[in-house]
Protein backbone atom coordinates (compact mmCIF):
# COMPACT_ATOMS: atom_id res chain seq x y z
CA MET A 1 -5.34 18.51 45.50
CA PHE A 2 -5.55 20.00 41.99
CA ARG A 3 -2.34 18.19 41.01
CA ARG A 4 -3.72 14.80 42.08
CA THR A 5 -6.98 15.39 40.18
CA PHE A 6 -5.02 16.37 37.05
CA TRP A 7 -2.83 13.25 37.12
CA PHE A 8 -5.80 11.01 37.95
CA THR A 9 -7.73 12.41 34.96
CA ALA A 10 -4.67 12.14 32.70
CA GLY A 11 -4.14 8.50 33.74
CA ALA A 12 -7.79 7.63 33.22
CA ALA A 13 -7.78 9.26 29.77
CA ALA A 14 -4.59 7.39 28.83
CA GLY A 15 -6.15 4.14 30.04
CA VAL A 16 -9.31 4.68 28.00
CA TRP A 17 -7.24 5.61 24.93
CA ALA A 18 -5.00 2.52 25.29
CA THR A 19 -8.00 0.23 25.86
CA ASN A 20 -9.75 1.54 22.74
CA LYS A 21 -6.58 1.15 20.68
CA VAL A 22 -6.04 -2.45 21.87
CA ASN A 23 -9.71 -3.33 21.21
CA ARG A 24 -9.51 -1.94 17.67
CA LYS A 25 -6.34 -3.93 16.99
CA LEU A 26 -7.95 -7.11 18.34
CA LYS A 27 -10.97 -6.58 16.08
CA GLN A 28 -8.61 -6.23 13.11
CA LEU A 29 -7.02 -9.58 13.94
CA THR A 30 -10.23 -11.64 14.01
CA PRO A 31 -10.51 -14.30 11.26
CA GLU A 32 -13.47 -12.53 9.64
CA SER A 33 -11.60 -9.23 9.50
CA LEU A 34 -8.46 -10.88 8.13
CA ALA A 35 -10.52 -12.64 5.45
CA ALA A 36 -12.19 -9.35 4.48
CA GLN A 37 -8.82 -7.61 4.28
CA ALA A 38 -7.41 -10.41 2.10
CA ALA A 39 -10.45 -10.24 -0.19
CA ASN A 40 -10.10 -6.47 -0.54
CA LYS A 41 -6.41 -6.81 -1.39
CA ALA A 42 -7.18 -9.52 -3.95
CA ILE A 43 -9.81 -7.31 -5.59
CA ASP A 44 -7.39 -4.38 -5.68
CA ALA A 45 -4.69 -6.60 -7.20
CA GLY A 46 -7.19 -7.79 -9.84
CA HIS A 47 -8.05 -4.21 -10.76
CA LYS A 48 -4.37 -3.30 -11.01
CA LEU A 49 -3.70 -6.35 -13.18
CA LYS A 50 -6.63 -5.50 -15.46
CA ASP A 51 -5.40 -1.91 -15.80
CA PHE A 52 -1.91 -3.19 -16.62
CA ALA A 53 -3.28 -5.56 -19.27
CA LEU A 54 -5.31 -2.74 -20.84
CA ASP A 55 -2.22 -0.50 -20.89
CA VAL A 56 -0.18 -3.26 -22.53
CA ARG A 57 -2.88 -3.84 -25.14
CA ALA A 58 -3.11 -0.13 -25.93
CA GLY A 59 0.68 0.02 -26.26
CA MET A 60 0.67 -2.99 -28.57
CA ILE A 61 -1.98 -1.44 -30.82
CA GLN A 62 -0.09 1.85 -30.94
CA ARG A 63 3.20 0.09 -31.75
CA GLU A 64 1.55 -2.03 -34.47
CA GLU A 65 0.20 1.14 -36.07
CA GLU A 66 3.64 2.75 -35.93
CA LEU A 67 5.24 -0.32 -37.50
CA GLY A 68 2.51 -0.48 -40.13
CA GLU A 69 3.19 3.12 -41.10
CA VAL A 70 6.94 2.54 -41.27
CA LEU A 71 6.63 -0.69 -43.27
CA GLY A 72 3.85 0.61 -45.45
CA THR A 73 1.35 -2.14 -44.65
CA ASN A 74 -1.35 0.34 -43.62
CA THR A 75 -1.47 1.95 -47.06
CA PRO A 76 -3.89 0.57 -49.65
CA PRO A 77 -2.26 -1.43 -52.46
CA ASP A 78 -1.46 0.17 -55.79
CA PRO A 79 -4.34 -0.22 -58.25
CA GLU A 80 -1.78 -0.96 -60.98
CA LEU A 81 -0.52 -4.07 -59.20
CA PRO A 82 -2.53 -7.29 -59.38
CA ALA A 83 -4.24 -8.45 -56.23
CA GLN A 84 -2.26 -10.82 -54.09
CA ARG A 85 -3.36 -14.45 -54.46
CA ARG A 86 -3.60 -16.66 -51.46
CA ARG A 87 -2.74 -20.33 -51.87
CA PRO A 88 -3.07 -23.11 -49.32
CA ALA A 89 0.22 -23.93 -47.65
CA LEU A 90 -0.21 -27.68 -48.24
CA ASP A 91 -2.31 -29.42 -50.85
CA ARG A 92 -2.95 -32.77 -49.19
CA PRO A 93 -5.42 -35.23 -50.70
CA VAL A 94 -7.86 -36.84 -48.33
CA SER A 95 -6.84 -40.44 -47.73
CA THR A 96 -9.18 -43.30 -46.94
CA ARG A 97 -7.53 -43.72 -43.55
CA ASP A 98 -8.80 -40.31 -42.48
CA THR A 99 -12.42 -41.28 -42.97
CA HIS A 100 -13.69 -43.57 -40.23
CA PRO A 101 -16.94 -45.54 -40.55
CA HIS A 102 -17.96 -44.82 -36.95
CA PRO A 103 -16.65 -41.44 -35.81
CA TYR A 104 -17.68 -41.96 -32.18
CA HIS A 105 -16.13 -45.41 -31.70
CA SER A 106 -12.47 -46.17 -31.53
CA TYR A 107 -11.14 -49.47 -32.85
CA ASN A 108 -7.90 -49.41 -30.96
CA ARG A 109 -7.06 -53.00 -29.99
CA ASN A 110 -5.11 -51.73 -26.98
CA GLU A 111 -8.15 -49.99 -25.54
CA ASP A 112 -9.96 -51.60 -22.63
CA TYR A 113 -13.64 -52.32 -23.17
C-alpha cells in the first residue's frame, strides 16, 4: 500500500511540474511576450552599440593626442616664427550669373508650371 501511495504521489508531482513547465513555455510564446522580448533585445543592442561608439571615440581621441605629441602639433608655436597666414583656397569673383533677381523662383524653361 505504501508503495502505491509513493508512486501515485510521485506521478502527481511530475504531472504538476510538467503542466507548469508547459504553461510557462506557452506564455513565453504569446505574441505579446515575443514582442516584449524583441523590444528588450533591441534596447540591449542599442546600449551595446552606444558603448561601442563611445569606446571608439575615446580611442580616437587618445590616438589623436598620441599622434599630436609625436608630430609636434600639440606644442605651441615658437614665438620667434611668424604666425601662419591663412589664405582662401580659391579667389573666385562673384559673377552676375550667380545673382538671381528672384531667389525663390526658378526660370528653367524645362520646368512644368
